[in-house]
C-alpha cells in the first residue's frame, strides 16, 4: 500500500491526526523490519544455461560464499533452453521478493531482444541489476590442420577462399556469433556461420576438423588450447588479456583496430524488487567478488571479477547494447 493510499485509508476513518501519523509510522517500521529480516529462507540462483557452461561455472563459484554473506543457502537452478530465454523469463515472472536471482549475460539480457523484437520480455526494462560480476574475452580458434599460423595469414586465407571457411559459435545470436559477424565485416571476408547448442559441441567438431574456425569463450577453449588440440589466433579484445597470456588481440591487428567484444555476467532480479533488497544483495556480492580466492577461481575460467555497482552495470549495458545493435543490423542477424 503506497503512502498516499495509507493517508486516504486513515483519513476516511476520521482518526485523529496523531493516531494517523502513529499508524503510518508503525506500518513503515514494519516494512523496514521485513527488509532487515531478508533473507529468511533459501535463495534460488537461476542459471539460464545447462550445467558445465561458462554461466554455470561462474554461478557455482559465487553461490557458496554469497550464501555465507547473506546468511542463507543459495541454490542453483539450471533452467536452460531457447538461448537463455526460459531461465530469464522465469526470473522476470518470479515474485520480486529477493528470493530469485538471475546470473545473466549478454545473450539473454540484450541480444535476444535485438534479433527478435517480438520477444515477450525486455532485459533492460524487466530486470533490475544487482551487481556487475565480471567480464572476459572470447577467443578465435582454429582446427589443428588449418594452414594459417596467425591472424594475418588467416585473413589472407579467407580472402583467397571466400565462403570456403566455416566458423562455429555457441548458438545463433550469442556474443560469439556477433563477434564472428563483426570480424567478417571489419576484415571484409566471407565465412559460413555454423551455430551449435553451446561451446562444448562446437569445440568437439573443431578438434575433429569438421569445421575450420570457432569463436568461443576463453574458459571453454582454454584446455584445448593448452593441450595443442586447437589453434588460438586471437582474443576478441582491443588489447591482449592477462587472462590469456601469449594470445594476441584482434583489436591490435592491422585493419581491425579497436575490435572489442567480450562476454560479461551480472546478477539480476525482477524489476520491482525493493531497492533495500537489491542493495543488500549488491553489498554481499561485492564482498564475495573482492575475495582473492574467488577472483583467482574466476580468472582461471577466463573471467576478470568486477564487483561494480548496479549503476555501473547499467552504464556498461547501455554501451554494450549499441555495439550489439550495430552488428545485428549490419549483418542482418535474426532469431531464426
Protein backbone atom coordinates (compact mmCIF):
# COMPACT_ATOMS: atom_id res chain seq x y z
CA UNK A 1 0.00 0.00 0.00
CA UNK A 2 1.51 3.37 -1.04
CA UNK A 3 1.90 6.34 1.31
CA UNK A 4 -0.93 8.38 -0.38
CA UNK A 5 -3.21 5.33 -0.15
CA UNK A 6 -2.39 4.92 3.53
CA UNK A 7 -3.25 8.55 4.19
CA UNK A 8 -6.61 8.20 2.44
CA UNK A 9 -7.30 4.96 4.31
CA UNK A 10 -6.86 6.55 7.71
CA UNK A 11 -8.50 9.86 6.75
CA UNK A 12 -11.68 8.06 5.68
CA UNK A 13 -11.91 6.51 9.11
CA UNK A 14 -11.66 10.01 10.68
CA UNK A 15 -8.86 9.02 13.01
CA UNK A 16 -7.22 11.86 14.94
CA UNK A 17 -4.18 13.28 13.21
CA UNK A 18 -1.77 11.92 15.85
CA UNK A 19 -3.32 8.47 15.54
CA UNK A 20 -2.98 8.56 11.74
CA UNK A 21 0.70 9.54 11.95
CA UNK A 22 1.43 6.84 14.53
CA UNK A 23 -0.32 4.18 12.44
CA UNK A 24 1.52 5.12 9.23
CA UNK A 25 4.87 5.15 11.03
CA UNK A 26 4.09 1.75 12.50
CA UNK A 27 3.42 0.26 9.09
CA UNK A 28 6.58 1.78 7.63
CA UNK A 29 8.66 0.47 10.52
CA UNK A 30 7.12 -2.94 9.93
CA UNK A 31 8.14 -2.81 6.26
CA UNK A 32 11.66 -1.81 7.31
CA UNK A 33 11.74 -4.76 9.66
CA UNK A 34 10.77 -7.08 6.81
CA UNK A 35 13.69 -5.82 4.71
CA UNK A 36 16.01 -6.20 7.68
CA UNK A 37 14.91 -9.83 8.04
CA UNK A 38 15.72 -10.63 4.39
CA UNK A 39 16.65 -13.31 3.65
CA UNK A 40 14.86 -15.70 5.97
CA UNK A 41 14.77 -18.68 3.59
CA UNK A 42 16.97 -20.16 0.82
CA UNK A 43 17.54 -18.10 -2.36
CA UNK A 44 17.36 -19.51 -5.89
CA UNK A 45 20.12 -18.51 -8.31
CA UNK A 46 18.79 -19.15 -11.82
CA UNK A 47 21.37 -20.12 -14.45
CA UNK A 48 19.68 -19.91 -17.87
CA UNK A 49 22.00 -22.47 -19.47
CA UNK A 50 22.86 -26.13 -18.95
CA UNK A 51 25.36 -27.33 -16.34
CA UNK A 52 29.02 -27.18 -17.35
CA UNK A 53 28.93 -23.96 -19.38
CA UNK A 54 30.51 -20.62 -18.52
CA UNK A 55 27.40 -19.26 -16.78
CA UNK A 56 27.07 -22.39 -14.68
CA UNK A 57 30.75 -22.36 -13.69
CA UNK A 58 30.58 -18.70 -12.62
CA UNK A 59 27.40 -19.32 -10.61
CA UNK A 60 28.87 -22.32 -8.79
CA UNK A 61 31.92 -20.30 -7.81
CA UNK A 62 29.77 -17.49 -6.40
CA UNK A 63 26.88 -19.33 -4.76
CA UNK A 64 28.51 -20.80 -1.62
CA UNK A 65 30.17 -17.56 -0.48
CA UNK A 66 27.18 -15.44 -1.46
CA UNK A 67 25.07 -17.68 0.74
CA UNK A 68 27.52 -17.21 3.62
CA UNK A 69 27.36 -13.42 3.31
CA UNK A 70 23.56 -13.38 3.16
CA UNK A 71 23.10 -15.98 5.87
CA UNK A 72 21.03 -18.37 3.75
CA UNK A 73 21.68 -21.13 1.24
CA UNK A 74 21.90 -20.08 -2.40
CA UNK A 75 20.58 -22.92 -4.55
CA UNK A 76 21.48 -23.07 -8.24
CA UNK A 77 18.66 -23.89 -10.66
CA UNK A 78 19.71 -24.56 -14.26
CA UNK A 79 16.73 -23.50 -16.38
CA UNK A 80 18.21 -23.98 -19.84
CA UNK A 81 16.66 -23.63 -23.27
CA UNK A 82 15.98 -21.17 -26.08
CA UNK A 83 19.29 -19.34 -25.77
CA UNK A 84 18.75 -18.38 -22.15
CA UNK A 85 15.18 -17.22 -22.71
CA UNK A 86 13.45 -19.73 -20.42
CA UNK A 87 15.53 -19.02 -17.35
CA UNK A 88 15.31 -15.28 -17.89
CA UNK A 89 11.52 -15.42 -18.25
CA UNK A 90 11.27 -17.46 -15.09
CA UNK A 91 13.18 -14.79 -13.17
CA UNK A 92 11.13 -11.94 -14.62
CA UNK A 93 7.88 -13.69 -13.67
CA UNK A 94 9.07 -14.56 -10.15
CA UNK A 95 7.86 -12.64 -7.11
CA UNK A 96 10.01 -9.51 -6.65
CA UNK A 97 10.91 -10.51 -3.10
CA UNK A 98 14.64 -11.17 -3.43
CA UNK A 99 14.40 -14.95 -3.47
CA UNK A 100 15.02 -15.37 -7.21
CA UNK A 101 18.27 -14.05 -8.69
CA UNK A 102 19.45 -14.48 -12.29
CA UNK A 103 23.07 -14.96 -13.34
CA UNK A 104 22.63 -13.06 -16.61
CA UNK A 105 24.84 -12.40 -19.63
CA UNK A 106 24.75 -10.62 -22.98
CA UNK A 107 22.73 -13.19 -24.93
CA UNK A 108 19.59 -13.34 -22.85
CA UNK A 109 19.68 -9.83 -21.38
CA UNK A 110 20.41 -7.81 -24.52
CA UNK A 111 20.90 -9.70 -27.79
CA UNK A 112 17.73 -11.83 -27.77
CA UNK A 113 15.53 -8.73 -27.95
CA UNK A 114 17.61 -7.24 -30.78
CA UNK A 115 17.33 -10.30 -33.01
CA UNK A 116 13.70 -10.95 -32.09
CA UNK A 117 11.77 -7.71 -31.42
CA UNK A 118 8.62 -9.75 -30.71
CA UNK A 119 10.28 -11.31 -27.67
CA UNK A 120 7.95 -11.26 -24.67
CA UNK A 121 10.45 -9.53 -22.40
CA UNK A 122 12.93 -6.67 -22.43
CA UNK A 123 16.01 -7.50 -20.39
CA UNK A 124 16.74 -3.85 -19.65
CA UNK A 125 13.22 -2.89 -18.53
CA UNK A 126 12.07 -6.12 -16.90
CA UNK A 127 15.14 -6.86 -14.80
CA UNK A 128 16.88 -4.87 -12.07
CA UNK A 129 20.69 -5.17 -11.95
CA UNK A 130 22.16 -6.02 -8.54
CA UNK A 131 25.90 -6.22 -9.25
CA UNK A 132 28.41 -6.48 -12.11
CA UNK A 133 30.08 -9.90 -11.74
CA UNK A 134 32.79 -9.63 -14.38
CA UNK A 135 33.93 -9.71 -17.99
CA UNK A 136 36.17 -11.81 -20.16
CA UNK A 137 37.37 -12.04 -23.75
CA UNK A 138 36.27 -14.56 -26.30
CA UNK A 139 38.85 -16.30 -28.44
CA UNK A 140 39.12 -17.04 -32.15
CA UNK A 141 40.34 -20.62 -32.56
CA UNK A 142 41.04 -22.95 -35.49
CA UNK A 143 41.31 -26.64 -36.28
CA UNK A 144 44.77 -28.18 -35.95
CA UNK A 145 45.45 -28.62 -39.66
CA UNK A 146 44.39 -25.15 -40.79
CA UNK A 147 47.21 -23.69 -42.94
CA UNK A 148 47.43 -20.35 -41.14
CA UNK A 149 49.66 -19.66 -38.16
CA UNK A 150 48.44 -16.19 -37.18
CA UNK A 151 45.56 -13.80 -37.77
CA UNK A 152 47.21 -12.11 -40.75
CA UNK A 153 47.70 -15.44 -42.52
CA UNK A 154 44.17 -16.49 -41.56
CA UNK A 155 42.62 -13.36 -43.08
CA UNK A 156 44.70 -13.84 -46.22
CA UNK A 157 43.41 -17.42 -46.48
CA UNK A 158 39.82 -16.23 -46.04
CA UNK A 159 40.28 -13.58 -48.75
CA UNK A 160 41.75 -16.17 -51.11
CA UNK A 161 38.90 -18.63 -50.49
CA UNK A 162 35.72 -16.62 -49.92
CA UNK A 163 32.93 -18.70 -48.46
CA UNK A 164 35.08 -21.80 -48.07
CA UNK A 165 35.98 -21.36 -44.41
CA UNK A 166 33.37 -22.09 -41.75
CA UNK A 167 33.21 -20.81 -38.19
CA UNK A 168 31.24 -22.13 -35.24
CA UNK A 169 29.55 -20.27 -32.42
CA UNK A 170 27.73 -21.37 -29.27
CA UNK A 171 24.44 -20.52 -30.96
CA UNK A 172 22.57 -18.05 -33.11
CA UNK A 173 22.53 -14.60 -31.52
CA UNK A 174 25.17 -15.37 -28.90
CA UNK A 175 28.07 -12.95 -28.31
CA UNK A 176 30.27 -15.48 -30.13
CA UNK A 177 28.04 -15.21 -33.21
CA UNK A 178 28.03 -11.41 -33.01
CA UNK A 179 31.84 -11.37 -32.71
CA UNK A 180 32.21 -13.65 -35.73
CA UNK A 181 29.97 -11.44 -37.86
CA UNK A 182 31.82 -8.32 -36.73
CA UNK A 183 35.09 -9.94 -37.77
CA UNK A 184 33.66 -10.73 -41.19
CA UNK A 185 32.54 -7.13 -41.68
CA UNK A 186 35.68 -5.47 -40.34
CA UNK A 187 38.02 -7.76 -42.31
CA UNK A 188 35.80 -7.80 -45.42
CA UNK A 189 35.80 -11.59 -45.59
CA UNK A 190 33.07 -14.17 -46.00
CA UNK A 191 32.85 -17.26 -43.81
CA UNK A 192 29.91 -19.61 -43.24
CA UNK A 193 28.42 -19.47 -39.75
CA UNK A 194 27.61 -22.81 -38.11
CA UNK A 195 25.58 -22.37 -34.91
CA UNK A 196 25.86 -25.03 -32.22
CA UNK A 197 23.95 -25.67 -29.00
CA UNK A 198 26.77 -24.43 -26.79
CA UNK A 199 30.54 -24.10 -26.90
CA UNK A 200 31.34 -27.71 -25.95
CA UNK A 201 29.92 -29.47 -29.05
CA UNK A 202 31.38 -26.76 -31.30
CA UNK A 203 34.85 -27.36 -29.89
CA UNK A 204 34.48 -31.14 -30.32
CA UNK A 205 33.80 -30.70 -34.04
CA UNK A 206 36.62 -28.16 -34.31
CA UNK A 207 39.09 -30.65 -32.81
CA UNK A 208 37.77 -33.29 -35.21
CA UNK A 209 38.24 -31.00 -38.21
CA UNK A 210 34.55 -30.86 -39.18
CA UNK A 211 34.69 -27.05 -39.04
CA UNK A 212 37.55 -24.67 -39.68
CA UNK A 213 37.20 -21.98 -37.01
CA UNK A 214 35.29 -21.12 -33.90
CA UNK A 215 34.59 -18.17 -31.64
CA UNK A 216 34.45 -19.50 -28.10
CA UNK A 217 34.50 -18.38 -24.51
CA UNK A 218 38.04 -18.46 -23.21
CA UNK A 219 37.05 -20.76 -20.35
CA UNK A 220 35.69 -23.44 -22.71
CA UNK A 221 38.58 -23.27 -25.19
CA UNK A 222 41.50 -22.87 -22.79
CA UNK A 223 42.07 -26.59 -22.01
CA UNK A 224 42.21 -27.47 -25.72
CA UNK A 225 44.49 -24.52 -26.49
CA UNK A 226 46.92 -25.56 -23.76
CA UNK A 227 46.92 -29.19 -24.93
CA UNK A 228 47.56 -28.16 -28.55
CA UNK A 229 44.35 -29.71 -29.83
CA UNK A 230 43.25 -26.41 -31.43
CA UNK A 231 44.98 -23.25 -32.58
CA UNK A 232 44.44 -19.96 -30.77
CA UNK A 233 44.56 -17.00 -33.12
CA UNK A 234 43.44 -14.06 -31.01
CA UNK A 235 41.25 -12.90 -28.17
CA UNK A 236 38.34 -10.68 -29.23
CA UNK A 237 39.50 -7.62 -27.30
CA UNK A 238 41.22 -4.33 -28.08
CA UNK A 239 44.35 -5.37 -26.16
CA UNK A 240 45.87 -8.67 -25.05
CA UNK A 241 44.28 -10.09 -21.92
CA UNK A 242 46.15 -11.02 -18.76
CA UNK A 243 43.76 -13.95 -18.61
CA UNK A 244 45.27 -15.37 -21.81
CA UNK A 245 48.97 -14.53 -21.84
CA UNK A 246 50.62 -15.21 -25.16
CA UNK A 247 47.46 -14.87 -27.26
CA UNK A 248 47.35 -11.67 -29.36
CA UNK A 249 44.32 -9.39 -29.57
CA UNK A 250 42.15 -8.89 -32.66
CA UNK A 251 41.98 -5.18 -31.83
CA UNK A 252 45.71 -4.83 -32.46
CA UNK A 253 45.64 -6.43 -35.91
CA UNK A 254 46.02 -4.04 -38.82
CA UNK A 255 42.58 -3.17 -40.16
CA UNK A 256 40.84 -4.42 -37.01
CA UNK A 257 41.96 -1.65 -34.66
CA UNK A 258 39.62 -1.21 -31.69
CA UNK A 259 37.89 -4.58 -32.13
CA UNK A 260 36.46 -5.24 -28.68
CA UNK A 261 33.67 -7.68 -27.83
CA UNK A 262 33.65 -9.96 -24.83
CA UNK A 263 31.41 -11.93 -22.52
CA UNK A 264 30.08 -10.48 -19.28
CA UNK A 265 27.98 -11.54 -16.32
CA UNK A 266 25.78 -9.79 -13.76
CA UNK A 267 23.29 -10.62 -11.05
CA UNK A 268 19.72 -9.52 -11.80
CA UNK A 269 16.35 -9.63 -10.02
CA UNK A 270 12.75 -8.93 -11.12
CA UNK A 271 12.23 -5.25 -11.94
CA UNK A 272 10.00 -4.43 -8.96
CA UNK A 273 12.34 -5.87 -6.33
CA UNK A 274 12.62 -3.33 -3.45
CA UNK A 275 15.81 -1.20 -3.53
CA UNK A 276 16.68 -2.26 0.01
CA UNK A 277 16.89 -5.91 -1.07
CA UNK A 278 18.87 -5.09 -4.21
CA UNK A 279 21.33 -3.11 -2.11
CA UNK A 280 21.68 -5.98 0.35
CA UNK A 281 22.47 -8.45 -2.44
CA UNK A 282 24.84 -5.97 -4.07
CA UNK A 283 26.78 -5.47 -0.83
CA UNK A 284 27.06 -9.22 -0.22
CA UNK A 285 28.12 -9.95 -3.81
CA UNK A 286 30.71 -7.18 -3.74
CA UNK A 287 32.28 -8.74 -0.66
CA UNK A 288 32.41 -12.10 -2.42
CA UNK A 289 33.92 -10.65 -5.61
CA UNK A 290 36.59 -8.84 -3.60
CA UNK A 291 37.80 -12.12 -2.13
CA UNK A 292 41.20 -13.08 -3.64
CA UNK A 293 40.28 -16.78 -3.77
CA UNK A 294 37.12 -16.08 -5.79
CA UNK A 295 38.94 -13.68 -8.11
CA UNK A 296 41.55 -16.37 -8.75
CA UNK A 297 38.91 -19.01 -9.48
CA UNK A 298 37.10 -16.72 -11.93
CA UNK A 299 40.37 -15.76 -13.62
CA UNK A 300 41.06 -19.45 -14.18
CA UNK A 301 37.72 -19.54 -16.01
CA UNK A 302 38.63 -16.57 -18.20
CA UNK A 303 36.62 -14.02 -16.21
CA UNK A 304 38.01 -10.86 -14.65
CA UNK A 305 35.96 -10.21 -11.50
CA UNK A 306 34.35 -6.76 -11.26
CA UNK A 307 32.05 -6.15 -8.30
CA UNK A 308 30.99 -2.79 -9.74
CA UNK A 309 27.65 -1.38 -8.64
CA UNK A 310 24.26 -1.84 -10.27
CA UNK A 311 24.54 1.69 -11.69
CA UNK A 312 27.88 0.85 -13.32
CA UNK A 313 26.39 -2.31 -14.79
CA UNK A 314 23.53 -0.28 -16.28
CA UNK A 315 26.02 2.11 -17.91
CA UNK A 316 28.05 -0.81 -19.27
CA UNK A 317 24.94 -2.46 -20.74
CA UNK A 318 23.87 0.80 -22.39
CA UNK A 319 27.19 0.86 -24.25
CA UNK A 320 27.24 -2.85 -24.96
CA UNK A 321 23.74 -2.99 -26.43
CA UNK A 322 24.69 -0.36 -29.01
CA UNK A 323 27.68 -2.47 -30.08
CA UNK A 324 25.40 -5.47 -30.47
CA UNK A 325 22.72 -3.42 -32.23
CA UNK A 326 25.14 -2.14 -34.88
CA UNK A 327 26.38 -5.65 -35.74
CA UNK A 328 22.92 -7.26 -35.62
CA UNK A 329 21.58 -4.63 -38.02
CA UNK A 330 24.53 -4.66 -40.43
CA UNK A 331 24.83 -8.46 -40.51
CA UNK A 332 21.03 -8.90 -40.57
CA UNK A 333 21.12 -11.39 -37.72
CA UNK A 334 17.66 -12.68 -36.85
CA UNK A 335 16.24 -15.05 -34.29
CA UNK A 336 15.64 -17.73 -36.91
